[in-house]
Amino acid sequence: MRCLTSWKALIFIQSLFVLFLTTLALTASDTELSSPTAATNEAETKTYRVRGSISPNEILGDVSKLSTEARIVINGGEYTGFIQKDGAFAIDNIKLGDSLLEVASSKYAFPKIHVHISLKEDGRASIAARYVQIGSDWSDDAPVLAYPLRIAAASKYEFFTERQGFSIIAMFSNPYMMMVGASLVAVFLLPKLQANIDPEALEEMKKK
């Protein structure tokens, strides 16, 4: 009787051990299957940094001027970044997907840049930047810019025009001056023309 009880206890212990091993294997399998998904979700919720610099050119020779009056703007103000005296800038917390990068300056015009952040197969981030034409949609056909970005000024804003001097030609080419001249001609010349017309012909014209 005692041997039978010991045998049943041994079978019960073996069953518990097999059940423990099976549960451990299933847990490990679920962990392996869910790890890529969890890693992908974690990568998608991460934010990234966009780096670049302002390059000097014949329009803007001293980029240090921008450190006090210009900013880097993402998506119309969703994110902003400062420009250092050497022209370098970095913007954090940028999410995956498409973003529009602009240089907000009151003195210089810069090209707009479409920034696309995506994930590679190995989970690393990839940044592709392209110039954007004003009034057009984002296109993947445009050439990809080098990264980190290097942006140069396209033009300088001109808010004032030089005052023009006196010009007799410009004065008489004005439509109002031409109307005044025609009126003066009519006032001074028509009486003289009427004086040279035959009185009978003039009387006939007045009747008509």
N, C-alpha and C. Protein backbone atom coordinates (compact mmCIF):
# COMPACT_ATOMS: atom_id res chain seq x y z
N MET A 1 0.83 -1.20 0.00
CA MET A 1 0.00 0.00 0.00
C MET A 1 0.86 1.25 0.00
N ARG A 2 1.94 1.21 0.79
CA ARG A 2 2.85 2.35 0.84
C ARG A 2 3.55 2.55 -0.48
N CYS A 3 3.94 1.49 -1.16
CA CYS A 3 4.61 1.59 -2.46
C CYS A 3 3.68 2.20 -3.50
N LEU A 4 2.40 1.81 -3.43
CA LEU A 4 1.44 2.35 -4.38
C LEU A 4 1.27 3.86 -4.19
N THR A 5 1.25 4.27 -2.93
CA THR A 5 1.12 5.70 -2.66
C THR A 5 2.34 6.47 -3.15
N SER A 6 3.53 5.91 -2.94
CA SER A 6 4.76 6.54 -3.41
C SER A 6 4.79 6.63 -4.93
N TRP A 7 4.30 5.59 -5.58
CA TRP A 7 4.28 5.58 -7.06
C TRP A 7 3.34 6.66 -7.60
N LYS A 8 2.16 6.79 -6.96
CA LYS A 8 1.22 7.83 -7.39
C LYS A 8 1.81 9.22 -7.17
N ALA A 9 2.51 9.39 -6.05
CA ALA A 9 3.12 10.69 -5.77
C ALA A 9 4.19 11.01 -6.81
N LEU A 10 4.97 10.00 -7.21
CA LEU A 10 6.01 10.21 -8.21
C LEU A 10 5.41 10.58 -9.56
N ILE A 11 4.32 9.90 -9.94
CA ILE A 11 3.65 10.21 -11.21
C ILE A 11 3.11 11.64 -11.17
N PHE A 12 2.55 12.04 -10.02
CA PHE A 12 2.00 13.39 -9.89
C PHE A 12 3.10 14.45 -10.03
N ILE A 13 4.25 14.17 -9.42
CA ILE A 13 5.37 15.12 -9.51
C ILE A 13 5.87 15.23 -10.94
N GLN A 14 5.95 14.08 -11.64
CA GLN A 14 6.40 14.08 -13.04
C GLN A 14 5.42 14.86 -13.92
N SER A 15 4.14 14.71 -13.64
CA SER A 15 3.13 15.44 -14.43
C SER A 15 3.27 16.94 -14.23
N LEU A 16 3.50 17.35 -12.95
CA LEU A 16 3.69 18.76 -12.69
C LEU A 16 4.94 19.30 -13.39
N PHE A 17 5.99 18.51 -13.42
CA PHE A 17 7.24 18.94 -14.06
C PHE A 17 7.06 19.10 -15.57
N VAL A 18 6.34 18.12 -16.18
CA VAL A 18 6.07 18.20 -17.62
C VAL A 18 5.21 19.42 -17.93
N LEU A 19 4.21 19.68 -17.07
CA LEU A 19 3.35 20.84 -17.27
C LEU A 19 4.14 22.14 -17.14
N PHE A 20 5.10 22.17 -16.21
CA PHE A 20 5.93 23.36 -16.04
C PHE A 20 6.81 23.61 -17.26
N LEU A 21 7.41 22.53 -17.79
CA LEU A 21 8.26 22.67 -18.98
C LEU A 21 7.45 23.12 -20.18
N THR A 22 6.21 22.58 -20.33
CA THR A 22 5.37 22.96 -21.46
C THR A 22 4.98 24.44 -21.38
N THR A 23 4.62 24.87 -20.18
CA THR A 23 4.27 26.29 -19.99
C THR A 23 5.45 27.20 -20.26
N LEU A 24 6.64 26.80 -19.83
CA LEU A 24 7.85 27.59 -20.07
C LEU A 24 8.16 27.69 -21.55
N ALA A 25 7.98 26.59 -22.29
CA ALA A 25 8.25 26.59 -23.73
C ALA A 25 7.27 27.49 -24.47
N LEU A 26 5.99 27.41 -24.08
CA LEU A 26 4.99 28.27 -24.74
C LEU A 26 5.25 29.73 -24.46
N THR A 27 5.66 30.06 -23.24
CA THR A 27 5.97 31.45 -22.90
C THR A 27 7.15 31.97 -23.70
N ALA A 28 8.18 31.13 -23.85
CA ALA A 28 9.35 31.53 -24.64
C ALA A 28 8.99 31.71 -26.09
N SER A 29 8.10 30.84 -26.62
CA SER A 29 7.69 30.97 -28.02
C SER A 29 6.90 32.24 -28.25
N ASP A 30 5.99 32.56 -27.31
CA ASP A 30 5.22 33.80 -27.45
C ASP A 30 6.11 35.01 -27.38
N THR A 31 7.15 34.94 -26.54
CA THR A 31 8.08 36.07 -26.43
C THR A 31 8.85 36.28 -27.72
N GLU A 32 9.28 35.16 -28.33
CA GLU A 32 10.02 35.26 -29.59
C GLU A 32 9.15 35.81 -30.69
N LEU A 33 7.86 35.39 -30.70
CA LEU A 33 6.98 35.86 -31.76
C LEU A 33 6.60 37.33 -31.59
N SER A 34 6.49 37.77 -30.36
CA SER A 34 6.06 39.13 -30.12
C SER A 34 7.20 40.12 -30.09
N SER A 35 8.44 39.65 -30.04
CA SER A 35 9.57 40.57 -29.94
C SER A 35 9.70 41.46 -31.15
N PRO A 36 9.63 40.95 -32.41
CA PRO A 36 9.74 41.85 -33.56
C PRO A 36 8.64 42.91 -33.59
N THR A 37 7.42 42.51 -33.25
CA THR A 37 6.33 43.48 -33.24
C THR A 37 6.56 44.54 -32.19
N ALA A 38 7.00 44.11 -31.03
CA ALA A 38 7.26 45.08 -29.97
C ALA A 38 8.39 46.02 -30.35
N ALA A 39 9.41 45.46 -31.01
CA ALA A 39 10.53 46.30 -31.44
C ALA A 39 10.08 47.30 -32.50
N THR A 40 9.20 46.84 -33.41
CA THR A 40 8.71 47.74 -34.44
C THR A 40 7.87 48.86 -33.85
N ASN A 41 6.98 48.49 -32.91
CA ASN A 41 6.14 49.51 -32.27
C ASN A 41 6.99 50.51 -31.51
N GLU A 42 8.04 50.00 -30.86
CA GLU A 42 8.92 50.90 -30.13
C GLU A 42 9.64 51.85 -31.07
N ALA A 43 10.08 51.35 -32.23
CA ALA A 43 10.78 52.20 -33.20
C ALA A 43 9.84 53.25 -33.79
N GLU A 44 8.56 52.86 -33.99
CA GLU A 44 7.62 53.81 -34.57
C GLU A 44 7.26 54.93 -33.60
N THR A 45 7.32 54.67 -32.31
CA THR A 45 7.00 55.70 -31.33
C THR A 45 8.21 56.56 -30.97
N LYS A 46 9.38 56.17 -31.41
CA LYS A 46 10.57 56.97 -31.14
C LYS A 46 10.56 58.24 -31.98
N THR A 47 11.32 59.21 -31.55
CA THR A 47 11.50 60.45 -32.30
C THR A 47 12.96 60.55 -32.73
N TYR A 48 13.19 61.39 -33.72
CA TYR A 48 14.51 61.44 -34.34
C TYR A 48 14.97 62.90 -34.48
N ARG A 49 16.24 63.05 -34.78
CA ARG A 49 16.85 64.37 -34.91
C ARG A 49 17.19 64.64 -36.37
N VAL A 50 16.88 65.84 -36.82
CA VAL A 50 17.23 66.30 -38.16
C VAL A 50 18.33 67.34 -38.02
N ARG A 51 19.46 67.12 -38.69
CA ARG A 51 20.61 68.00 -38.56
C ARG A 51 20.95 68.62 -39.92
N GLY A 52 21.60 69.77 -39.87
CA GLY A 52 22.03 70.43 -41.10
C GLY A 52 22.77 71.72 -40.77
N SER A 53 23.01 72.50 -41.80
CA SER A 53 23.72 73.78 -41.62
C SER A 53 23.36 74.71 -42.77
N ILE A 54 23.52 76.01 -42.52
CA ILE A 54 23.32 77.04 -43.54
C ILE A 54 24.67 77.33 -44.19
N SER A 55 24.73 77.19 -45.49
CA SER A 55 25.99 77.39 -46.22
C SER A 55 26.08 78.82 -46.73
N PRO A 56 27.23 79.47 -46.61
CA PRO A 56 27.38 80.82 -47.15
C PRO A 56 27.48 80.80 -48.68
N ASN A 57 27.04 81.85 -49.31
CA ASN A 57 27.16 82.02 -50.76
C ASN A 57 27.25 83.50 -51.08
N GLU A 58 27.11 83.84 -52.37
CA GLU A 58 27.24 85.24 -52.76
C GLU A 58 26.08 86.09 -52.25
N ILE A 59 24.95 85.47 -51.93
CA ILE A 59 23.80 86.22 -51.40
C ILE A 59 23.94 86.45 -49.91
N LEU A 60 24.33 85.42 -49.19
CA LEU A 60 24.52 85.50 -47.74
C LEU A 60 25.94 85.04 -47.43
N GLY A 61 26.84 85.98 -47.26
CA GLY A 61 28.23 85.61 -47.00
C GLY A 61 28.52 85.31 -45.56
N ASP A 62 27.85 85.99 -44.63
CA ASP A 62 28.09 85.82 -43.20
C ASP A 62 26.87 85.15 -42.58
N VAL A 63 26.96 83.83 -42.34
CA VAL A 63 25.82 83.09 -41.80
C VAL A 63 25.59 83.37 -40.33
N SER A 64 26.53 84.00 -39.66
CA SER A 64 26.35 84.30 -38.23
C SER A 64 25.22 85.30 -38.01
N LYS A 65 24.83 86.04 -39.06
CA LYS A 65 23.73 87.00 -38.93
C LYS A 65 22.41 86.30 -38.66
N LEU A 66 22.28 85.05 -39.09
CA LEU A 66 21.02 84.35 -38.92
C LEU A 66 20.78 83.88 -37.50
N SER A 67 21.81 83.82 -36.67
CA SER A 67 21.65 83.29 -35.32
C SER A 67 20.72 84.13 -34.46
N THR A 68 20.53 85.39 -34.81
CA THR A 68 19.69 86.27 -34.02
C THR A 68 18.34 86.58 -34.66
N GLU A 69 18.20 86.36 -35.97
CA GLU A 69 16.95 86.78 -36.61
C GLU A 69 16.24 85.66 -37.38
N ALA A 70 16.80 84.47 -37.44
CA ALA A 70 16.18 83.39 -38.20
C ALA A 70 16.02 82.15 -37.32
N ARG A 71 15.09 81.29 -37.73
CA ARG A 71 14.81 80.04 -37.03
C ARG A 71 14.56 78.94 -38.06
N ILE A 72 14.75 77.69 -37.63
CA ILE A 72 14.37 76.53 -38.43
C ILE A 72 12.98 76.10 -37.98
N VAL A 73 12.05 75.98 -38.92
CA VAL A 73 10.66 75.68 -38.60
C VAL A 73 10.26 74.38 -39.28
N ILE A 74 9.61 73.49 -38.52
CA ILE A 74 9.12 72.22 -39.05
C ILE A 74 7.59 72.24 -39.02
N ASN A 75 6.98 71.93 -40.17
CA ASN A 75 5.52 71.82 -40.29
C ASN A 75 4.81 73.09 -39.81
N GLY A 76 5.31 74.23 -40.26
CA GLY A 76 4.65 75.48 -39.96
C GLY A 76 4.71 75.94 -38.53
N GLY A 77 5.65 75.42 -37.74
CA GLY A 77 5.79 75.84 -36.35
C GLY A 77 5.57 74.73 -35.34
N GLU A 78 5.31 73.50 -35.80
CA GLU A 78 5.14 72.38 -34.86
C GLU A 78 6.42 72.14 -34.06
N TYR A 79 7.56 72.28 -34.74
CA TYR A 79 8.86 72.21 -34.07
C TYR A 79 9.71 73.36 -34.59
N THR A 80 10.53 73.91 -33.73
CA THR A 80 11.44 74.99 -34.11
C THR A 80 12.83 74.71 -33.57
N GLY A 81 13.81 75.26 -34.25
CA GLY A 81 15.19 75.09 -33.82
C GLY A 81 15.99 76.35 -34.07
N PHE A 82 17.04 76.54 -33.28
CA PHE A 82 17.89 77.72 -33.40
C PHE A 82 19.03 77.44 -34.37
N ILE A 83 19.56 78.51 -34.93
CA ILE A 83 20.71 78.43 -35.82
C ILE A 83 21.93 78.97 -35.08
N GLN A 84 22.96 78.17 -35.02
CA GLN A 84 24.17 78.60 -34.34
C GLN A 84 24.96 79.59 -35.20
N LYS A 85 25.97 80.21 -34.59
CA LYS A 85 26.73 81.23 -35.31
C LYS A 85 27.49 80.66 -36.50
N ASP A 86 27.84 79.38 -36.43
CA ASP A 86 28.52 78.77 -37.58
C ASP A 86 27.54 78.24 -38.63
N GLY A 87 26.24 78.45 -38.41
CA GLY A 87 25.23 78.02 -39.37
C GLY A 87 24.62 76.66 -39.11
N ALA A 88 25.14 75.91 -38.12
CA ALA A 88 24.63 74.57 -37.84
C ALA A 88 23.31 74.64 -37.08
N PHE A 89 22.46 73.62 -37.30
CA PHE A 89 21.20 73.52 -36.58
C PHE A 89 20.84 72.05 -36.38
N ALA A 90 20.03 71.77 -35.37
CA ALA A 90 19.54 70.42 -35.08
C ALA A 90 18.16 70.54 -34.46
N ILE A 91 17.22 69.72 -34.93
CA ILE A 91 15.85 69.74 -34.44
C ILE A 91 15.50 68.34 -33.95
N ASP A 92 15.07 68.23 -32.70
CA ASP A 92 14.74 66.94 -32.08
C ASP A 92 13.24 66.69 -32.12
N ASN A 93 12.88 65.46 -31.70
CA ASN A 93 11.48 65.04 -31.52
C ASN A 93 10.71 64.96 -32.83
N ILE A 94 11.40 64.74 -33.96
CA ILE A 94 10.72 64.58 -35.24
C ILE A 94 10.25 63.13 -35.39
N LYS A 95 8.98 62.94 -35.71
CA LYS A 95 8.41 61.60 -35.82
C LYS A 95 8.61 61.04 -37.24
N LEU A 96 8.33 59.74 -37.35
CA LEU A 96 8.40 59.09 -38.66
C LEU A 96 7.37 59.70 -39.61
N GLY A 97 7.69 59.69 -40.89
CA GLY A 97 6.77 60.22 -41.89
C GLY A 97 7.31 61.45 -42.58
N ASP A 98 6.41 62.27 -43.10
CA ASP A 98 6.76 63.44 -43.90
C ASP A 98 6.70 64.71 -43.06
N SER A 99 7.66 65.58 -43.30
CA SER A 99 7.71 66.88 -42.62
C SER A 99 8.21 67.93 -43.61
N LEU A 100 7.84 69.17 -43.37
CA LEU A 100 8.28 70.29 -44.20
C LEU A 100 9.21 71.16 -43.38
N LEU A 101 10.44 71.32 -43.86
CA LEU A 101 11.45 72.12 -43.17
C LEU A 101 11.61 73.45 -43.89
N GLU A 102 11.55 74.54 -43.11
CA GLU A 102 11.70 75.89 -43.66
C GLU A 102 12.66 76.70 -42.80
N VAL A 103 13.34 77.65 -43.43
CA VAL A 103 14.17 78.61 -42.71
C VAL A 103 13.38 79.91 -42.66
N ALA A 104 12.91 80.28 -41.46
CA ALA A 104 12.11 81.48 -41.28
C ALA A 104 13.04 82.66 -41.04
N SER A 105 13.18 83.51 -42.05
CA SER A 105 14.04 84.68 -41.98
C SER A 105 13.31 85.88 -42.55
N SER A 106 13.52 87.05 -41.94
CA SER A 106 12.88 88.27 -42.42
C SER A 106 13.71 88.98 -43.48
N LYS A 107 14.92 88.51 -43.74
CA LYS A 107 15.80 89.19 -44.69
C LYS A 107 16.17 88.33 -45.90
N TYR A 108 16.14 87.01 -45.74
CA TYR A 108 16.59 86.13 -46.82
C TYR A 108 15.54 85.05 -47.08
N ALA A 109 15.45 84.66 -48.35
CA ALA A 109 14.55 83.59 -48.75
C ALA A 109 15.35 82.31 -48.95
N PHE A 110 14.84 81.19 -48.42
CA PHE A 110 15.50 79.90 -48.52
C PHE A 110 14.56 78.89 -49.15
N PRO A 111 15.09 77.88 -49.82
CA PRO A 111 14.23 76.84 -50.39
C PRO A 111 13.58 76.00 -49.30
N LYS A 112 12.37 75.52 -49.58
CA LYS A 112 11.66 74.63 -48.66
C LYS A 112 12.09 73.20 -48.93
N ILE A 113 12.15 72.39 -47.88
CA ILE A 113 12.68 71.02 -48.00
C ILE A 113 11.68 70.04 -47.42
N HIS A 114 11.38 69.01 -48.20
CA HIS A 114 10.54 67.90 -47.76
C HIS A 114 11.43 66.83 -47.13
N VAL A 115 11.19 66.53 -45.86
CA VAL A 115 11.98 65.55 -45.11
C VAL A 115 11.12 64.32 -44.85
N HIS A 116 11.58 63.16 -45.30
CA HIS A 116 10.86 61.90 -45.09
C HIS A 116 11.72 60.97 -44.23
N ILE A 117 11.20 60.58 -43.07
CA ILE A 117 11.91 59.69 -42.15
C ILE A 117 11.21 58.33 -42.17
N SER A 118 11.95 57.28 -42.47
CA SER A 118 11.40 55.93 -42.53
C SER A 118 12.36 54.96 -41.85
N LEU A 119 11.90 53.71 -41.66
CA LEU A 119 12.70 52.69 -41.02
C LEU A 119 13.20 51.68 -42.05
N LYS A 120 14.46 51.31 -41.94
CA LYS A 120 15.00 50.26 -42.79
C LYS A 120 14.61 48.88 -42.24
N GLU A 121 15.00 47.83 -42.96
CA GLU A 121 14.68 46.48 -42.52
C GLU A 121 15.39 46.12 -41.23
N ASP A 122 16.56 46.70 -40.98
CA ASP A 122 17.28 46.41 -39.75
C ASP A 122 16.82 47.27 -38.58
N GLY A 123 15.79 48.11 -38.80
CA GLY A 123 15.25 48.91 -37.71
C GLY A 123 15.87 50.28 -37.57
N ARG A 124 16.87 50.59 -38.37
CA ARG A 124 17.50 51.91 -38.29
C ARG A 124 16.70 52.93 -39.12
N ALA A 125 16.82 54.19 -38.73
CA ALA A 125 16.08 55.25 -39.40
C ALA A 125 16.81 55.71 -40.65
N SER A 126 16.04 56.07 -41.66
CA SER A 126 16.58 56.60 -42.91
C SER A 126 15.91 57.94 -43.19
N ILE A 127 16.71 58.96 -43.52
CA ILE A 127 16.20 60.31 -43.78
C ILE A 127 16.46 60.67 -45.24
N ALA A 128 15.39 60.99 -45.97
CA ALA A 128 15.49 61.42 -47.37
C ALA A 128 14.91 62.83 -47.47
N ALA A 129 15.70 63.75 -47.99
CA ALA A 129 15.28 65.16 -48.09
C ALA A 129 15.30 65.59 -49.56
N ARG A 130 14.29 66.36 -49.95
CA ARG A 130 14.17 66.85 -51.32
C ARG A 130 13.64 68.29 -51.30
N TYR A 131 14.05 69.07 -52.31
CA TYR A 131 13.52 70.41 -52.45
C TYR A 131 12.04 70.35 -52.85
N VAL A 132 11.29 71.34 -52.39
CA VAL A 132 9.86 71.42 -52.70
C VAL A 132 9.58 72.71 -53.45
N GLN A 133 8.90 72.60 -54.58
CA GLN A 133 8.48 73.78 -55.34
C GLN A 133 7.21 74.35 -54.72
N ILE A 134 7.16 75.67 -54.59
CA ILE A 134 6.00 76.32 -53.99
C ILE A 134 4.76 76.07 -54.85
N GLY A 135 3.70 75.60 -54.22
CA GLY A 135 2.45 75.34 -54.92
C GLY A 135 2.35 73.96 -55.53
N SER A 136 3.35 73.10 -55.36
CA SER A 136 3.32 71.75 -55.92
C SER A 136 3.32 70.72 -54.81
N ASP A 137 2.89 69.51 -55.14
CA ASP A 137 2.85 68.42 -54.17
C ASP A 137 4.23 67.82 -53.98
N TRP A 138 4.39 67.08 -52.88
CA TRP A 138 5.65 66.37 -52.63
C TRP A 138 5.80 65.22 -53.62
N SER A 139 6.97 65.12 -54.18
CA SER A 139 7.23 64.10 -55.19
C SER A 139 8.53 63.36 -54.86
N ASP A 140 8.49 62.05 -55.06
CA ASP A 140 9.68 61.23 -54.84
C ASP A 140 10.61 61.22 -56.05
N ASP A 141 10.20 61.92 -57.13
CA ASP A 141 11.03 61.95 -58.33
C ASP A 141 12.16 62.97 -58.24
N ALA A 142 12.05 63.92 -57.30
CA ALA A 142 13.09 64.93 -57.15
C ALA A 142 14.36 64.30 -56.59
N PRO A 143 15.53 64.84 -56.93
CA PRO A 143 16.79 64.29 -56.41
C PRO A 143 16.86 64.39 -54.89
N VAL A 144 17.46 63.37 -54.28
CA VAL A 144 17.63 63.34 -52.83
C VAL A 144 18.84 64.17 -52.45
N LEU A 145 18.69 65.02 -51.46
CA LEU A 145 19.77 65.89 -51.01
C LEU A 145 20.71 65.14 -50.08
N ALA A 146 21.93 65.62 -49.99
CA ALA A 146 22.91 65.03 -49.08
C ALA A 146 22.51 65.30 -47.64
N TYR A 147 22.85 64.36 -46.77
CA TYR A 147 22.55 64.52 -45.35
C TYR A 147 23.84 64.36 -44.55
N PRO A 148 24.07 65.21 -43.54
CA PRO A 148 23.25 66.31 -43.03
C PRO A 148 22.99 67.39 -44.07
N LEU A 149 21.86 68.07 -43.91
CA LEU A 149 21.41 69.04 -44.90
C LEU A 149 22.35 70.24 -44.96
N ARG A 150 22.49 70.79 -46.15
CA ARG A 150 23.25 72.03 -46.37
C ARG A 150 22.35 72.94 -47.21
N ILE A 151 21.91 74.05 -46.59
CA ILE A 151 20.95 74.94 -47.20
C ILE A 151 21.61 76.29 -47.45
N ALA A 152 21.40 76.84 -48.63
CA ALA A 152 21.95 78.16 -48.99
C ALA A 152 20.81 79.11 -49.32
N ALA A 153 21.03 80.39 -49.08
CA ALA A 153 20.01 81.41 -49.35
C ALA A 153 19.76 81.50 -50.86
N ALA A 154 18.48 81.62 -51.21
CA ALA A 154 18.11 81.72 -52.62
C ALA A 154 18.05 83.16 -53.10
N SER A 155 17.65 84.09 -52.23
CA SER A 155 17.56 85.50 -52.60
C SER A 155 17.44 86.33 -51.33
N LYS A 156 17.57 87.64 -51.50
CA LYS A 156 17.43 88.57 -50.40
C LYS A 156 16.18 89.42 -50.63
N TYR A 157 15.41 89.59 -49.57
CA TYR A 157 14.20 90.39 -49.69
C TYR A 157 14.55 91.86 -49.89
N GLU A 158 13.86 92.51 -50.83
CA GLU A 158 14.03 93.94 -51.08
C GLU A 158 12.70 94.62 -50.83
N PHE A 159 12.61 95.32 -49.71
CA PHE A 159 11.36 95.97 -49.34
C PHE A 159 11.27 97.41 -49.83
N PHE A 160 12.38 98.00 -50.28
CA PHE A 160 12.38 99.38 -50.74
C PHE A 160 13.01 99.43 -52.14
N THR A 161 12.50 100.35 -52.96
CA THR A 161 13.05 100.58 -54.30
C THR A 161 13.67 101.98 -54.35
N GLU A 162 14.69 102.11 -55.15
CA GLU A 162 15.38 103.39 -55.25
C GLU A 162 14.49 104.42 -55.95
N ARG A 163 14.47 105.64 -55.38
CA ARG A 163 13.64 106.69 -55.94
C ARG A 163 14.21 107.17 -57.27
N GLN A 164 13.36 107.23 -58.27
CA GLN A 164 13.80 107.63 -59.59
C GLN A 164 13.87 109.16 -59.70
N GLY A 165 14.81 109.66 -60.50
CA GLY A 165 14.94 111.09 -60.72
C GLY A 165 13.96 111.61 -61.77
N PHE A 166 14.04 112.92 -62.00
CA PHE A 166 13.13 113.54 -62.97
C PHE A 166 13.50 113.14 -64.38
N SER A 167 12.48 112.79 -65.17
CA SER A 167 12.69 112.40 -66.56
C SER A 167 11.56 113.00 -67.39
N ILE A 168 11.93 113.85 -68.37
CA ILE A 168 10.94 114.48 -69.23
C ILE A 168 10.21 113.47 -70.10
N ILE A 169 10.94 112.41 -70.47
CA ILE A 169 10.31 111.37 -71.30
C ILE A 169 9.27 110.60 -70.51
N ALA A 170 9.62 110.27 -69.26
CA ALA A 170 8.67 109.55 -68.41
C ALA A 170 7.45 110.41 -68.12
N MET A 171 7.65 111.71 -68.00
CA MET A 171 6.52 112.61 -67.71
C MET A 171 5.53 112.63 -68.87
N PHE A 172 6.04 112.76 -70.11
CA PHE A 172 5.13 112.86 -71.25
C PHE A 172 4.59 111.50 -71.69
N SER A 173 5.20 110.44 -71.23
CA SER A 173 4.66 109.12 -71.53
C SER A 173 3.55 108.71 -70.57
N ASN A 174 3.31 109.53 -69.55
CA ASN A 174 2.23 109.27 -68.62
C ASN A 174 0.88 109.46 -69.33
N PRO A 175 -0.06 108.55 -69.19
CA PRO A 175 -1.36 108.70 -69.88
C PRO A 175 -2.10 109.97 -69.52
N TYR A 176 -1.99 110.41 -68.27
CA TYR A 176 -2.68 111.64 -67.87
C TYR A 176 -2.10 112.86 -68.60
N MET A 177 -0.77 112.89 -68.76
CA MET A 177 -0.16 113.99 -69.48
C MET A 177 -0.57 113.99 -70.95
N MET A 178 -0.74 112.79 -71.52
CA MET A 178 -1.19 112.71 -72.91
C MET A 178 -2.61 113.23 -73.06
N MET A 179 -3.46 112.95 -72.06
CA MET A 179 -4.83 113.47 -72.12
C MET A 179 -4.85 115.00 -72.00
N VAL A 180 -4.02 115.52 -71.10
CA VAL A 180 -3.93 116.97 -70.95
C VAL A 180 -3.43 117.61 -72.24
N GLY A 181 -2.42 117.02 -72.86
CA GLY A 181 -1.88 117.56 -74.11
C GLY A 181 -2.92 117.57 -75.21
N ALA A 182 -3.70 116.47 -75.29
CA ALA A 182 -4.74 116.43 -76.32
C ALA A 182 -5.80 117.50 -76.09
N SER A 183 -6.12 117.76 -74.81
CA SER A 183 -7.11 118.80 -74.51
C SER A 183 -6.60 120.18 -74.89
N LEU A 184 -5.30 120.45 -74.61
CA LEU A 184 -4.73 121.75 -74.98
C LEU A 184 -4.71 121.94 -76.48
N VAL A 185 -4.38 120.89 -77.19
CA VAL A 185 -4.39 120.98 -78.66
C VAL A 185 -5.79 121.32 -79.16
N ALA A 186 -6.80 120.66 -78.55
CA ALA A 186 -8.17 120.93 -78.98
C ALA A 186 -8.58 122.37 -78.68
N VAL A 187 -8.13 122.90 -77.55
CA VAL A 187 -8.53 124.26 -77.16
C VAL A 187 -7.89 125.31 -78.06
N PHE A 188 -6.60 125.15 -78.36
CA PHE A 188 -5.88 126.19 -79.10
C PHE A 188 -5.96 126.03 -80.62
N LEU A 189 -6.04 124.82 -81.10
CA LEU A 189 -5.99 124.62 -82.55
C LEU A 189 -7.36 124.63 -83.21
N LEU A 190 -8.39 124.15 -82.54
CA LEU A 190 -9.70 124.08 -83.17
C LEU A 190 -10.22 125.46 -83.60
N PRO A 191 -10.08 126.51 -82.76
CA PRO A 191 -10.55 127.83 -83.25
C PRO A 191 -9.83 128.29 -84.51
N LYS A 192 -8.54 128.05 -84.60
CA LYS A 192 -7.78 128.44 -85.80
C LYS A 192 -8.24 127.64 -87.01
N LEU A 193 -8.53 126.39 -86.81
CA LEU A 193 -9.02 125.57 -87.93
C LEU A 193 -10.39 126.04 -88.39
N GLN A 194 -11.23 126.40 -87.43
CA GLN A 194 -12.56 126.89 -87.81
C GLN A 194 -12.49 128.22 -88.58
N ALA A 195 -11.46 129.05 -88.24
CA ALA A 195 -11.34 130.34 -88.93
C ALA A 195 -10.98 130.17 -90.40
N ASN A 196 -10.32 129.11 -90.73
CA ASN A 196 -9.91 128.87 -92.11
C ASN A 196 -10.97 128.14 -92.93
N ILE A 197 -12.05 127.71 -92.30
CA ILE A 197 -13.09 126.97 -93.01
C ILE A 197 -14.03 127.96 -93.71
N ASP A 198 -14.51 127.61 -94.87
CA ASP A 198 -15.46 128.44 -95.61
C ASP A 198 -16.72 128.66 -94.76
N PRO A 199 -17.20 129.88 -94.62
CA PRO A 199 -18.39 130.15 -93.78
C PRO A 199 -19.61 129.35 -94.20
N GLU A 200 -19.80 129.16 -95.51
CA GLU A 200 -20.96 128.38 -95.95
C GLU A 200 -20.83 126.91 -95.53
N ALA A 201 -19.62 126.38 -95.67
CA ALA A 201 -19.40 124.99 -95.25
C ALA A 201 -19.55 124.85 -93.74
N LEU A 202 -19.08 125.86 -92.99
CA LEU A 202 -19.20 125.80 -91.54
C LEU A 202 -20.66 125.87 -91.11
N GLU A 203 -21.44 126.73 -91.81
CA GLU A 203 -22.87 126.82 -91.48
C GLU A 203 -23.58 125.52 -91.79
N GLU A 204 -23.18 124.86 -92.88
CA GLU A 204 -23.80 123.58 -93.23
C GLU A 204 -23.45 122.48 -92.20
N MET A 205 -22.20 122.53 -91.72
CA MET A 205 -21.80 121.56 -90.70
C MET A 205 -22.57 121.76 -89.40
N LYS A 206 -22.81 123.04 -89.03
CA LYS A 206 -23.56 123.30 -87.80
C LYS A 206 -24.99 122.81 -87.93
N LYS A 207 -25.61 122.94 -89.13
CA LYS A 207 -26.94 122.45 -89.33
C LYS A 207 -27.00 120.93 -89.18
N LYS A 208 -25.98 120.25 -89.71
CA LYS A 208 -25.95 118.79 -89.59
C LYS A 208 -25.76 118.36 -88.16
